[in-house]
Amino acid sequence: MSSSVQQTFPLGLHWPTVDPFLFCAHHLDAYPEGDGSFAPAASLAGRQIGSDFEGIDGWRMYHGDRVPGFPQHPHRGFETLTYARQGFIDHADSMGAAARFGRGDAQWMTAGRGVVHSEMFPLLETDRPNTGELFQIWINLPAEHKLVEPYFTMLWDRDIPKVVRTDEAGRRTDITVIVGSLDGATPPDPPPHSWAARPEADLGVWHLTMEPGAEADLEAPASPDTLRVLYLFDGPSLEIDGERIDADTGALVRSDRGLHLTAGDGPVEVMVLQGRPIGEPVARYGPFVMNTEDEIRQAFADYQRDGFGGWPWPEDGPVHGPEAVRFARHADGRDEREAITPA
């Protein structure tokens, strides 16, 4: 039988993806204690403030100048799916929506015709480190939905299903089902105009945590046209139908068959992205993803004209206060709120 692994590639901060995915970034930052105003209680000397991506001392400020993160910036023509595993993210956007989320929560935003948002990483703990870890995945929109109204929703950790598989030796594989059904577990609905909202899109975003030596099967996609990529982002190695890939490696795999996965001699973590391609031309420049270069030029002109509706916040990178509360305030005024359980 031919190999299930069609191509492999190394992983870094940004991971290669295939249609309908545009981009995936894995951010893991060992932030120190906070200084009481959400900034690192550490010197920022030697960092390129405003564009700090080098990872000095194991963490980055990104585009933040005091609080780490990404102050206001625009998007058009695609979606962002942000899965936060450790630490917290403070979101604000030009729709007037705001949120604080983390520790297993995910946020899904359809940029559509245009949205401006910020994503800041407040260091809430002043007596211990503030490790932050997130995945941000960009998902393309089909041409007919490139200019839909922006949309923002939360997928709270309590609502994201987890599947547990145990092999014959009792070793566990835990699967967090963020997008796309698996083993009868169905996560919250995607945004209404998302490619993922179409059953035929066969979109899946799954996070696997495997004990050392654990074995687990991953069923074949619903369609052989689906593209599936596995990302081994933590752990020593993974066997895919007997073929070994090593740490920090991605693998494009066949979609006409199921897969048998075997973890190496340490705990393993794998992200799976799959979906049927949209199959349309892609023109992209920075934060804009359209179908033609003319549409990209129009996106810049529209943003320069009215800022996609303007920025309603007093700061470029708002932080939502010291209260340890998960919350989401939607553009329509609906409010969700719950206390944060100590880690």
C-alpha atoms as a PDB file:
ATOM      1  CA  MET A   1       0.000   0.000   0.000  1.00  0.00           C
ATOM      2  CA  SER A   2       1.291   3.461  -0.864  1.00  0.00           C
ATOM      3  CA  SER A   3       2.359   5.806   1.923  1.00  0.00           C
ATOM      4  CA  SER A   4      -0.332   7.772   3.725  1.00  0.00           C
ATOM      5  CA  VAL A   5       2.121  10.665   4.130  1.00  0.00           C
ATOM      6  CA  GLN A   6       2.318  12.686   0.936  1.00  0.00           C
ATOM      7  CA  GLN A   7       4.551  15.532   2.096  1.00  0.00           C
ATOM      8  CA  THR A   8       6.281  16.717   5.278  1.00  0.00           C
ATOM      9  CA  PHE A   9       7.570  20.148   6.291  1.00  0.00           C
ATOM     10  CA  PRO A  10       9.123  21.800   9.376  1.00  0.00           C
ATOM     11  CA  LEU A  11       7.032  23.899  11.757  1.00  0.00           C
ATOM     12  CA  GLY A  12       7.877  27.312  13.136  1.00  0.00           C
ATOM     13  CA  LEU A  13       5.808  30.223  14.401  1.00  0.00           C
ATOM     14  CA  HIS A  14       3.745  30.147  11.181  1.00  0.00           C
ATOM     15  CA  TRP A  15       2.639  26.837   9.681  1.00  0.00           C
ATOM     16  CA  PRO A  16       2.029  26.050   6.003  1.00  0.00           C
ATOM     17  CA  THR A  17      -1.617  25.323   5.207  1.00  0.00           C
ATOM     18  CA  VAL A  18      -3.758  24.154   2.291  1.00  0.00           C
ATOM     19  CA  ASP A  19      -7.042  25.480   0.833  1.00  0.00           C
ATOM     20  CA  PRO A  20      -9.442  26.421   2.474  1.00  0.00           C
ATOM     21  CA  PHE A  21      -6.972  27.430   5.221  1.00  0.00           C
ATOM     22  CA  LEU A  22      -4.783  30.450   4.588  1.00  0.00           C
ATOM     23  CA  PHE A  23      -2.530  30.613   7.604  1.00  0.00           C
ATOM     24  CA  CYS A  24      -1.942  29.064  11.020  1.00  0.00           C
ATOM     25  CA  ALA A  25       0.214  30.577  13.745  1.00  0.00           C
ATOM     26  CA  HIS A  26       1.170  28.806  16.962  1.00  0.00           C
ATOM     27  CA  HIS A  27       2.087  31.318  19.644  1.00  0.00           C
ATOM     28  CA  LEU A  28       3.714  29.941  22.810  1.00  0.00           C
ATOM     29  CA  ASP A  29       5.171  32.546  25.168  1.00  0.00           C
ATOM     30  CA  ALA A  30       6.598  31.989  28.649  1.00  0.00           C
ATOM     31  CA  TYR A  31       5.601  35.422  29.937  1.00  0.00           C
ATOM     32  CA  PRO A  32       6.915  36.405  33.383  1.00  0.00           C
ATOM     33  CA  GLU A  33       4.874  37.808  36.264  1.00  0.00           C
ATOM     34  CA  GLY A  34       2.751  40.846  35.486  1.00  0.00           C
ATOM     35  CA  ASP A  35       3.578  44.278  36.908  1.00  0.00           C
ATOM     36  CA  GLY A  36       0.038  44.994  38.136  1.00  0.00           C
ATOM     37  CA  SER A  37      -0.891  46.929  35.007  1.00  0.00           C
ATOM     38  CA  PHE A  38      -0.968  43.863  32.677  1.00  0.00           C
ATOM     39  CA  ALA A  39       2.581  44.372  31.363  1.00  0.00           C
ATOM     40  CA  PRO A  40       5.616  42.125  31.958  1.00  0.00           C
ATOM     41  CA  ALA A  41       7.449  42.747  35.246  1.00  0.00           C
ATOM     42  CA  ALA A  42      10.685  42.572  33.272  1.00  0.00           C
ATOM     43  CA  SER A  43      12.936  44.844  31.294  1.00  0.00           C
ATOM     44  CA  LEU A  44      12.040  45.387  27.635  1.00  0.00           C
ATOM     45  CA  ALA A  45      15.589  46.460  26.788  1.00  0.00           C
ATOM     46  CA  GLY A  46      16.949  44.913  23.603  1.00  0.00           C
ATOM     47  CA  ARG A  47      13.534  44.258  22.094  1.00  0.00           C
ATOM     48  CA  GLN A  48      12.271  45.831  18.889  1.00  0.00           C
ATOM     49  CA  ILE A  49       9.185  47.352  20.460  1.00  0.00           C
ATOM     50  CA  GLY A  50       6.377  47.554  17.940  1.00  0.00           C
ATOM     51  CA  SER A  51       7.572  44.438  16.126  1.00  0.00           C
ATOM     52  CA  ASP A  52       9.064  42.052  18.699  1.00  0.00           C
ATOM     53  CA  PHE A  53       9.019  38.534  17.249  1.00  0.00           C
ATOM     54  CA  GLU A  54      12.474  37.215  18.196  1.00  0.00           C
ATOM     55  CA  GLY A  55      11.403  35.362  21.350  1.00  0.00           C
ATOM     56  CA  ILE A  56      14.025  36.807  23.701  1.00  0.00           C
ATOM     57  CA  ASP A  57      13.857  34.937  27.045  1.00  0.00           C
ATOM     58  CA  GLY A  58      11.078  32.764  25.587  1.00  0.00           C
ATOM     59  CA  TRP A  59       8.442  35.439  24.981  1.00  0.00           C
ATOM     60  CA  ARG A  60       7.461  38.169  22.554  1.00  0.00           C
ATOM     61  CA  MET A  61       5.740  41.554  22.780  1.00  0.00           C
ATOM     62  CA  TYR A  62       4.556  41.251  19.145  1.00  0.00           C
ATOM     63  CA  HIS A  63       3.159  44.680  18.192  1.00  0.00           C
ATOM     64  CA  GLY A  64       2.409  45.760  21.773  1.00  0.00           C
ATOM     65  CA  ASP A  65       4.491  48.510  23.350  1.00  0.00           C
ATOM     66  CA  ARG A  66       3.536  47.857  27.003  1.00  0.00           C
ATOM     67  CA  VAL A  67       1.094  44.934  27.044  1.00  0.00           C
ATOM     68  CA  PRO A  68       1.960  42.078  24.646  1.00  0.00           C
ATOM     69  CA  GLY A  69      -0.308  41.485  21.693  1.00  0.00           C
ATOM     70  CA  PHE A  70      -1.697  42.922  18.502  1.00  0.00           C
ATOM     71  CA  PRO A  71      -3.266  46.407  18.760  1.00  0.00           C
ATOM     72  CA  GLN A  72      -5.931  47.447  16.268  1.00  0.00           C
ATOM     73  CA  HIS A  73      -5.467  46.159  12.724  1.00  0.00           C
ATOM     74  CA  PRO A  74      -7.875  45.508   9.813  1.00  0.00           C
ATOM     75  CA  HIS A  75      -9.049  42.375   8.028  1.00  0.00           C
ATOM     76  CA  ARG A  76     -11.242  41.736   4.995  1.00  0.00           C
ATOM     77  CA  GLY A  77     -12.349  38.681   3.041  1.00  0.00           C
ATOM     78  CA  PHE A  78     -11.686  35.769   5.423  1.00  0.00           C
ATOM     79  CA  GLU A  79     -12.197  34.475   8.968  1.00  0.00           C
ATOM     80  CA  THR A  80     -10.006  34.178  12.051  1.00  0.00           C
ATOM     81  CA  LEU A  81     -10.408  31.235  14.407  1.00  0.00           C
ATOM     82  CA  THR A  82      -8.406  31.703  17.611  1.00  0.00           C
ATOM     83  CA  TYR A  83      -8.010  28.731  19.965  1.00  0.00           C
ATOM     84  CA  ALA A  84      -6.497  29.828  23.278  1.00  0.00           C
ATOM     85  CA  ARG A  85      -4.954  27.046  25.376  1.00  0.00           C
ATOM     86  CA  GLN A  86      -3.077  28.978  28.065  1.00  0.00           C
ATOM     87  CA  GLY A  87      -3.292  32.550  29.299  1.00  0.00           C
ATOM     88  CA  PHE A  88      -5.920  35.084  28.261  1.00  0.00           C
ATOM     89  CA  ILE A  89      -6.728  37.243  25.258  1.00  0.00           C
ATOM     90  CA  ASP A  90      -8.557  40.568  25.408  1.00  0.00           C
ATOM     91  CA  HIS A  91     -10.466  41.175  22.177  1.00  0.00           C
ATOM     92  CA  ALA A  92     -11.992  44.469  20.966  1.00  0.00           C
ATOM     93  CA  ASP A  93     -13.305  45.341  17.507  1.00  0.00           C
ATOM     94  CA  SER A  94     -14.880  47.977  15.302  1.00  0.00           C
ATOM     95  CA  MET A  95     -18.304  46.335  15.691  1.00  0.00           C
ATOM     96  CA  GLY A  96     -18.177  47.315  19.372  1.00  0.00           C
ATOM     97  CA  ALA A  97     -17.721  43.722  20.513  1.00  0.00           C
ATOM     98  CA  ALA A  98     -15.298  42.827  23.300  1.00  0.00           C
ATOM     99  CA  ALA A  99     -14.208  39.666  25.086  1.00  0.00           C
ATOM    100  CA  ARG A 100     -11.744  38.116  27.495  1.00  0.00           C
ATOM    101  CA  PHE A 101     -11.179  34.431  26.810  1.00  0.00           C
ATOM    102  CA  GLY A 102      -8.595  31.688  27.274  1.00  0.00           C
ATOM    103  CA  ARG A 103      -7.782  28.290  28.790  1.00  0.00           C
ATOM    104  CA  GLY A 104      -9.512  26.238  26.124  1.00  0.00           C
ATOM    105  CA  ASP A 105     -11.906  28.821  24.679  1.00  0.00           C
ATOM    106  CA  ALA A 106     -12.044  29.694  20.998  1.00  0.00           C
ATOM    107  CA  GLN A 107     -13.192  32.812  19.190  1.00  0.00           C
ATOM    108  CA  TRP A 108     -14.467  32.900  15.625  1.00  0.00           C
ATOM    109  CA  MET A 109     -14.660  36.132  13.665  1.00  0.00           C
ATOM    110  CA  THR A 110     -15.856  36.603  10.091  1.00  0.00           C
ATOM    111  CA  ALA A 111     -14.124  39.708   8.764  1.00  0.00           C
ATOM    112  CA  GLY A 112     -16.299  39.839   5.642  1.00  0.00           C
ATOM    113  CA  ARG A 113     -16.462  43.317   4.126  1.00  0.00           C
ATOM    114  CA  GLY A 114     -14.119  44.649   6.770  1.00  0.00           C
ATOM    115  CA  VAL A 115     -13.432  44.720  10.489  1.00  0.00           C
ATOM    116  CA  VAL A 116     -10.743  46.186  12.720  1.00  0.00           C
ATOM    117  CA  HIS A 117      -9.844  44.314  15.881  1.00  0.00           C
ATOM    118  CA  SER A 118      -7.197  44.073  18.576  1.00  0.00           C
ATOM    119  CA  GLU A 119      -5.925  41.028  20.459  1.00  0.00           C
ATOM    120  CA  MET A 120      -3.984  41.836  23.614  1.00  0.00           C
ATOM    121  CA  PHE A 121      -2.460  39.390  26.093  1.00  0.00           C
ATOM    122  CA  PRO A 122      -2.939  40.857  29.601  1.00  0.00           C
ATOM    123  CA  LEU A 123      -0.591  39.413  32.215  1.00  0.00           C
ATOM    124  CA  LEU A 124      -3.097  39.077  35.061  1.00  0.00           C
ATOM    125  CA  GLU A 125      -0.919  37.083  37.473  1.00  0.00           C
ATOM    126  CA  THR A 126       1.492  39.193  39.519  1.00  0.00           C
ATOM    127  CA  ASP A 127       2.936  36.398  41.668  1.00  0.00           C
ATOM    128  CA  ARG A 128       3.659  33.732  39.053  1.00  0.00           C
ATOM    129  CA  PRO A 129       4.405  33.365  35.330  1.00  0.00           C
ATOM    130  CA  ASN A 130       1.725  34.086  32.719  1.00  0.00           C
ATOM    131  CA  THR A 131       2.370  31.463  30.034  1.00  0.00           C
ATOM    132  CA  GLY A 132       0.331  32.189  26.919  1.00  0.00           C
ATOM    133  CA  GLU A 133      -0.452  29.733  24.133  1.00  0.00           C
ATOM    134  CA  LEU A 134      -2.802  30.135  21.213  1.00  0.00           C
ATOM    135  CA  PHE A 135      -3.414  29.005  17.675  1.00  0.00           C
ATOM    136  CA  GLN A 136      -4.739  31.503  15.164  1.00  0.00           C
ATOM    137  CA  ILE A 137      -6.129  29.948  12.005  1.00  0.00           C
ATOM    138  CA  TRP A 138      -7.207  31.956   8.971  1.00  0.00           C
ATOM    139  CA  ILE A 139      -9.999  30.350   6.946  1.00  0.00           C
ATOM    140  CA  ASN A 140     -10.837  31.655   3.494  1.00  0.00           C
ATOM    141  CA  LEU A 141     -14.316  32.792   2.455  1.00  0.00           C
ATOM    142  CA  PRO A 142     -15.818  31.924  -0.934  1.00  0.00           C
ATOM    143  CA  ALA A 143     -16.203  34.814  -3.373  1.00  0.00           C
ATOM    144  CA  GLU A 144     -19.949  35.109  -2.768  1.00  0.00           C
ATOM    145  CA  HIS A 145     -19.332  35.785   0.945  1.00  0.00           C
ATOM    146  CA  LYS A 146     -16.200  37.923   0.799  1.00  0.00           C
ATOM    147  CA  LEU A 147     -18.161  41.096   1.601  1.00  0.00           C
ATOM    148  CA  VAL A 148     -20.739  39.814   4.107  1.00  0.00           C
ATOM    149  CA  GLU A 149     -21.353  41.742   7.317  1.00  0.00           C
ATOM    150  CA  PRO A 150     -18.700  41.060   9.972  1.00  0.00           C
ATOM    151  CA  TYR A 151     -19.623  38.497  12.612  1.00  0.00           C
ATOM    152  CA  PHE A 152     -18.167  37.611  16.021  1.00  0.00           C
ATOM    153  CA  THR A 153     -18.892  34.601  18.225  1.00  0.00           C
ATOM    154  CA  MET A 154     -17.356  32.694  21.129  1.00  0.00           C
ATOM    155  CA  LEU A 155     -16.866  28.949  21.529  1.00  0.00           C
ATOM    156  CA  TRP A 156     -16.417  28.514  25.286  1.00  0.00           C
ATOM    157  CA  ASP A 157     -14.327  25.655  26.594  1.00  0.00           C
ATOM    158  CA  ARG A 158     -17.327  24.169  28.430  1.00  0.00           C
ATOM    159  CA  ASP A 159     -19.198  23.891  25.097  1.00  0.00           C
ATOM    160  CA  ILE A 160     -16.355  22.449  23.004  1.00  0.00           C
ATOM    161  CA  PRO A 161     -16.674  18.642  23.111  1.00  0.00           C
ATOM    162  CA  LYS A 162     -13.826  16.350  24.091  1.00  0.00           C
ATOM    163  CA  VAL A 163     -13.550  12.783  22.848  1.00  0.00           C
ATOM    164  CA  VAL A 164     -11.518  10.196  24.775  1.00  0.00           C
ATOM    165  CA  ARG A 165     -10.147   7.110  23.055  1.00  0.00           C
ATOM    166  CA  THR A 166      -8.343   4.361  24.929  1.00  0.00           C
ATOM    167  CA  ASP A 167      -6.247   1.730  23.172  1.00  0.00           C
ATOM    168  CA  GLU A 168      -5.922  -1.943  24.137  1.00  0.00           C
ATOM    169  CA  ALA A 169      -3.088  -1.121  26.541  1.00  0.00           C
ATOM    170  CA  GLY A 170      -5.180   1.533  28.293  1.00  0.00           C
ATOM    171  CA  ARG A 171      -3.265   4.499  26.842  1.00  0.00           C
ATOM    172  CA  ARG A 172      -5.387   7.585  26.210  1.00  0.00           C
ATOM    173  CA  THR A 173      -5.858   9.924  23.316  1.00  0.00           C
ATOM    174  CA  ASP A 174      -7.912  13.026  24.112  1.00  0.00           C
ATOM    175  CA  ILE A 175      -9.389  14.905  21.150  1.00  0.00           C
ATOM    176  CA  THR A 176     -10.744  18.444  21.459  1.00  0.00           C
ATOM    177  CA  VAL A 177     -13.353  18.849  18.711  1.00  0.00           C
ATOM    178  CA  ILE A 178     -13.178  22.551  17.863  1.00  0.00           C
ATOM    179  CA  VAL A 179     -14.728  22.415  14.374  1.00  0.00           C
ATOM    180  CA  GLY A 180     -16.416  19.493  12.627  1.00  0.00           C
ATOM    181  CA  SER A 181     -18.102  16.482  14.193  1.00  0.00           C
ATOM    182  CA  LEU A 182     -16.092  13.503  15.405  1.00  0.00           C
ATOM    183  CA  ASP A 183     -17.353  10.316  17.084  1.00  0.00           C
ATOM    184  CA  GLY A 184     -20.811  11.864  17.349  1.00  0.00           C
ATOM    185  CA  ALA A 185     -19.420  14.905  19.191  1.00  0.00           C
ATOM    186  CA  THR A 186     -20.522  18.146  17.567  1.00  0.00           C
ATOM    187  CA  PRO A 187     -19.066  21.542  18.535  1.00  0.00           C
ATOM    188  CA  PRO A 188     -20.990  24.850  18.479  1.00  0.00           C
ATOM    189  CA  ASP A 189     -22.113  26.084  15.076  1.00  0.00           C
ATOM    190  CA  PRO A 190     -19.681  28.097  12.956  1.00  0.00           C
ATOM    191  CA  PRO A 191     -20.623  31.598  11.761  1.00  0.00           C
ATOM    192  CA  PRO A 192     -23.459  31.527   9.222  1.00  0.00           C
ATOM    193  CA  HIS A 193     -21.391  32.536   6.175  1.00  0.00           C
ATOM    194  CA  SER A 194     -18.350  30.425   7.011  1.00  0.00           C
ATOM    195  CA  TRP A 195     -17.139  27.781   4.581  1.00  0.00           C
ATOM    196  CA  ALA A 196     -17.380  25.511   7.618  1.00  0.00           C
ATOM    197  CA  ALA A 197     -21.158  26.076   7.757  1.00  0.00           C
ATOM    198  CA  ARG A 198     -21.550  24.003   4.576  1.00  0.00           C
ATOM    199  CA  PRO A 199     -21.742  20.259   5.297  1.00  0.00           C
ATOM    200  CA  GLU A 200     -20.028  19.475   2.002  1.00  0.00           C
ATOM    201  CA  ALA A 201     -16.991  21.528   3.110  1.00  0.00           C
ATOM    202  CA  ASP A 202     -15.998  18.698   5.486  1.00  0.00           C
ATOM    203  CA  LEU A 203     -14.089  21.171   7.675  1.00  0.00           C
ATOM    204  CA  GLY A 204     -12.364  19.869  10.775  1.00  0.00           C
ATOM    205  CA  VAL A 205     -10.115  21.430  13.416  1.00  0.00           C
ATOM    206  CA  TRP A 206      -9.125  18.891  16.069  1.00  0.00           C
ATOM    207  CA  HIS A 207      -6.493  18.940  18.801  1.00  0.00           C
ATOM    208  CA  LEU A 208      -5.125  15.534  19.844  1.00  0.00           C
ATOM    209  CA  THR A 209      -3.222  14.890  23.074  1.00  0.00           C
ATOM    210  CA  MET A 210      -1.737  11.374  23.181  1.00  0.00           C
ATOM    211  CA  GLU A 211      -0.064   9.544  26.030  1.00  0.00           C
ATOM    212  CA  PRO A 212       3.342   7.977  25.301  1.00  0.00           C
ATOM    213  CA  GLY A 213       2.885   5.016  22.973  1.00  0.00           C
ATOM    214  CA  ALA A 214      -0.859   5.594  22.608  1.00  0.00           C
ATOM    215  CA  GLU A 215      -2.538   4.302  19.459  1.00  0.00           C
ATOM    216  CA  ALA A 216      -5.623   5.844  17.884  1.00  0.00           C
ATOM    217  CA  ASP A 217      -7.440   5.674  14.575  1.00  0.00           C
ATOM    218  CA  LEU A 218      -8.565   8.736  12.647  1.00  0.00           C
ATOM    219  CA  GLU A 219     -11.396   8.002  10.262  1.00  0.00           C
ATOM    220  CA  ALA A 220     -11.208   8.937   6.591  1.00  0.00           C
ATOM    221  CA  PRO A 221     -12.720  12.297   5.630  1.00  0.00           C
ATOM    222  CA  ALA A 222     -16.218  12.318   4.193  1.00  0.00           C
ATOM    223  CA  SER A 223     -14.847  13.096   0.727  1.00  0.00           C
ATOM    224  CA  PRO A 224     -11.615  12.056  -1.031  1.00  0.00           C
ATOM    225  CA  ASP A 225     -11.453  15.679  -2.254  1.00  0.00           C
ATOM    226  CA  THR A 226     -10.824  16.832   1.308  1.00  0.00           C
ATOM    227  CA  LEU A 227      -7.301  17.958   2.152  1.00  0.00           C
ATOM    228  CA  ARG A 228      -5.978  16.930   5.575  1.00  0.00           C
ATOM    229  CA  VAL A 229      -2.813  18.071   7.356  1.00  0.00           C
ATOM    230  CA  LEU A 230      -1.439  16.840  10.701  1.00  0.00           C
ATOM    231  CA  TYR A 231       0.876  19.089  12.719  1.00  0.00           C
ATOM    232  CA  LEU A 232       3.062  17.450  15.385  1.00  0.00           C
ATOM    233  CA  PHE A 233       3.740  20.571  17.445  1.00  0.00           C
ATOM    234  CA  ASP A 234       4.747  18.932  20.738  1.00  0.00           C
ATOM    235  CA  GLY A 235       6.314  15.585  21.538  1.00  0.00           C
ATOM    236  CA  PRO A 236       9.193  13.501  20.205  1.00  0.00           C
ATOM    237  CA  SER A 237       7.594  11.658  17.281  1.00  0.00           C
ATOM    238  CA  LEU A 238       4.420  10.289  15.726  1.00  0.00           C
ATOM    239  CA  GLU A 239       3.863   7.306  13.447  1.00  0.00           C
ATOM    240  CA  ILE A 240       1.218   7.706  10.737  1.00  0.00           C
ATOM    241  CA  ASP A 241       0.345   4.253   9.400  1.00  0.00           C
ATOM    242  CA  GLY A 242       3.799   3.146  10.499  1.00  0.00           C
ATOM    243  CA  GLU A 243       5.698   6.088   8.945  1.00  0.00           C
ATOM    244  CA  ARG A 244       7.493   8.212  11.525  1.00  0.00           C
ATOM    245  CA  ILE A 245       7.539  11.980  11.604  1.00  0.00           C
ATOM    246  CA  ASP A 246       9.665  13.786  14.162  1.00  0.00           C
ATOM    247  CA  ALA A 247       9.031  16.736  16.461  1.00  0.00           C
ATOM    248  CA  ASP A 248       7.901  20.057  14.980  1.00  0.00           C
ATOM    249  CA  THR A 249       6.837  18.519  11.676  1.00  0.00           C
ATOM    250  CA  GLY A 250       3.696  18.832   9.579  1.00  0.00           C
ATOM    251  CA  ALA A 251       2.400  16.152   7.243  1.00  0.00           C
ATOM    252  CA  LEU A 252      -0.015  16.369   4.329  1.00  0.00           C
ATOM    253  CA  VAL A 253      -1.750  12.992   4.329  1.00  0.00           C
ATOM    254  CA  ARG A 254      -3.980  11.019   1.996  1.00  0.00           C
ATOM    255  CA  SER A 255      -7.698  11.673   2.340  1.00  0.00           C
ATOM    256  CA  ASP A 256      -9.024   8.477   0.783  1.00  0.00           C
ATOM    257  CA  ARG A 257      -8.312   6.365   3.840  1.00  0.00           C
ATOM    258  CA  GLY A 258      -8.348   6.407   7.613  1.00  0.00           C
ATOM    259  CA  LEU A 259      -5.121   6.743   9.577  1.00  0.00           C
ATOM    260  CA  HIS A 260      -3.582   4.758  12.421  1.00  0.00           C
ATOM    261  CA  LEU A 261      -1.589   7.030  14.731  1.00  0.00           C
ATOM    262  CA  THR A 262       1.002   5.920  17.279  1.00  0.00           C
ATOM    263  CA  ALA A 263       2.619   8.345  19.703  1.00  0.00           C
ATOM    264  CA  GLY A 264       6.352   8.195  20.334  1.00  0.00           C
ATOM    265  CA  ASP A 265       8.014   7.598  23.691  1.00  0.00           C
ATOM    266  CA  GLY A 266       6.749  10.838  25.214  1.00  0.00           C
ATOM    267  CA  PRO A 267       3.451  12.737  25.330  1.00  0.00           C
ATOM    268  CA  VAL A 268       2.408  13.971  21.900  1.00  0.00           C
ATOM    269  CA  GLU A 269       0.198  16.852  20.755  1.00  0.00           C
ATOM    270  CA  VAL A 270      -1.148  17.088  17.218  1.00  0.00           C
ATOM    271  CA  MET A 271      -3.346  19.648  15.484  1.00  0.00           C
ATOM    272  CA  VAL A 272      -5.443  18.408  12.567  1.00  0.00           C
ATOM    273  CA  LEU A 273      -6.793  20.785   9.894  1.00  0.00           C
ATOM    274  CA  GLN A 274      -8.957  19.403   7.126  1.00  0.00           C
ATOM    275  CA  GLY A 275     -11.446  20.690   4.585  1.00  0.00           C
ATOM    276  CA  ARG A 276     -12.549  20.535   0.986  1.00  0.00           C
ATOM    277  CA  PRO A 277     -10.858  23.292  -1.009  1.00  0.00           C
ATOM    278  CA  ILE A 278     -12.846  26.349  -2.037  1.00  0.00           C
ATOM    279  CA  GLY A 279     -10.895  26.201  -5.284  1.00  0.00           C
ATOM    280  CA  GLU A 280     -11.090  29.892  -6.212  1.00  0.00           C
ATOM    281  CA  PRO A 281      -8.305  32.355  -7.064  1.00  0.00           C
ATOM    282  CA  VAL A 282      -6.646  33.945  -4.028  1.00  0.00           C
ATOM    283  CA  ALA A 283      -5.220  37.465  -4.025  1.00  0.00           C
ATOM    284  CA  ARG A 284      -3.774  38.493  -0.676  1.00  0.00           C
ATOM    285  CA  TYR A 285      -1.833  41.368   0.728  1.00  0.00           C
ATOM    286  CA  GLY A 286      -1.234  41.579   4.463  1.00  0.00           C
ATOM    287  CA  PRO A 287      -4.587  41.589   6.267  1.00  0.00           C
ATOM    288  CA  PHE A 288      -6.743  41.424   3.115  1.00  0.00           C
ATOM    289  CA  VAL A 289      -7.622  38.232   1.201  1.00  0.00           C
ATOM    290  CA  MET A 290      -9.728  38.591  -1.931  1.00  0.00           C
ATOM    291  CA  ASN A 291      -9.989  36.963  -5.373  1.00  0.00           C
ATOM    292  CA  THR A 292      -8.348  39.631  -7.569  1.00  0.00           C
ATOM    293  CA  GLU A 293      -5.709  42.337  -7.306  1.00  0.00           C
ATOM    294  CA  ASP A 294      -8.360  44.952  -8.092  1.00  0.00           C
ATOM    295  CA  GLU A 295     -10.318  43.792  -5.052  1.00  0.00           C
ATOM    296  CA  ILE A 296      -7.199  44.135  -2.901  1.00  0.00           C
ATOM    297  CA  ARG A 297      -6.739  47.725  -4.104  1.00  0.00           C
ATOM    298  CA  GLN A 298     -10.388  48.400  -3.326  1.00  0.00           C
ATOM    299  CA  ALA A 299      -9.937  46.990   0.186  1.00  0.00           C
ATOM    300  CA  PHE A 300      -7.087  49.439   0.847  1.00  0.00           C
ATOM    301  CA  ALA A 301      -9.125  52.326  -0.539  1.00  0.00           C
ATOM    302  CA  ASP A 302     -12.142  51.433   1.597  1.00  0.00           C
ATOM    303  CA  TYR A 303     -10.055  51.106   4.734  1.00  0.00           C
ATOM    304  CA  GLN A 304      -8.301  54.430   4.102  1.00  0.00           C
ATOM    305  CA  ARG A 305     -11.657  56.104   3.480  1.00  0.00           C
ATOM    306  CA  ASP A 306     -13.573  55.113   6.606  1.00  0.00           C
ATOM    307  CA  GLY A 307     -11.484  52.636   8.629  1.00  0.00           C
ATOM    308  CA  PHE A 308     -14.145  49.979   8.090  1.00  0.00           C
ATOM    309  CA  GLY A 309     -16.523  51.944  10.260  1.00  0.00           C
ATOM    310  CA  GLY A 310     -14.027  53.486  12.659  1.00  0.00           C
ATOM    311  CA  TRP A 311     -12.439  52.465  15.948  1.00  0.00           C
ATOM    312  CA  PRO A 312     -14.781  53.009  18.938  1.00  0.00           C
ATOM    313  CA  TRP A 313     -12.168  52.411  21.669  1.00  0.00           C
ATOM    314  CA  PRO A 314     -10.015  55.034  23.441  1.00  0.00           C
ATOM    315  CA  GLU A 315      -6.853  52.949  22.998  1.00  0.00           C
ATOM    316  CA  ASP A 316      -5.386  50.993  20.097  1.00  0.00           C
ATOM    317  CA  GLY A 317      -5.049  47.893  22.284  1.00  0.00           C
ATOM    318  CA  PRO A 318      -7.704  47.908  25.026  1.00  0.00           C
ATOM    319  CA  VAL A 319      -7.258  45.714  28.099  1.00  0.00           C
ATOM    320  CA  HIS A 320     -10.448  44.874  29.941  1.00  0.00           C
ATOM    321  CA  GLY A 321      -9.450  45.489  33.548  1.00  0.00           C
ATOM    322  CA  PRO A 322      -8.161  43.371  36.449  1.00  0.00           C
ATOM    323  CA  GLU A 323     -11.324  41.356  37.121  1.00  0.00           C
ATOM    324  CA  ALA A 324     -10.701  37.640  36.600  1.00  0.00           C
ATOM    325  CA  VAL A 325     -13.802  37.057  34.488  1.00  0.00           C
ATOM    326  CA  ARG A 326     -14.320  35.423  31.121  1.00  0.00           C
ATOM    327  CA  PHE A 327     -16.805  37.491  29.167  1.00  0.00           C
ATOM    328  CA  ALA A 328     -18.066  38.412  25.742  1.00  0.00           C
ATOM    329  CA  ARG A 329     -20.016  41.554  24.956  1.00  0.00           C
ATOM    330  CA  HIS A 330     -21.523  41.212  21.504  1.00  0.00           C
ATOM    331  CA  ALA A 331     -22.226  44.000  19.033  1.00  0.00           C
ATOM    332  CA  ASP A 332     -25.976  43.591  19.668  1.00  0.00           C
ATOM    333  CA  GLY A 333     -25.500  44.185  23.404  1.00  0.00           C
ATOM    334  CA  ARG A 334     -25.809  40.549  24.469  1.00  0.00           C
ATOM    335  CA  ASP A 335     -23.460  39.781  27.364  1.00  0.00           C
ATOM    336  CA  GLU A 336     -21.883  36.500  28.491  1.00  0.00           C
ATOM    337  CA  ARG A 337     -19.864  36.347  31.692  1.00  0.00           C
ATOM    338  CA  GLU A 338     -18.359  33.807  34.113  1.00  0.00           C
ATOM    339  CA  ALA A 339     -15.643  33.800  36.743  1.00  0.00           C
ATOM    340  CA  ILE A 340     -12.247  32.396  35.787  1.00  0.00           C
ATOM    341  CA  THR A 341     -11.316  29.244  37.714  1.00  0.00           C
ATOM    342  CA  PRO A 342      -7.735  29.451  39.032  1.00  0.00           C
ATOM    343  CA  ALA A 343      -5.297  27.337  37.016  1.00  0.00           C
END
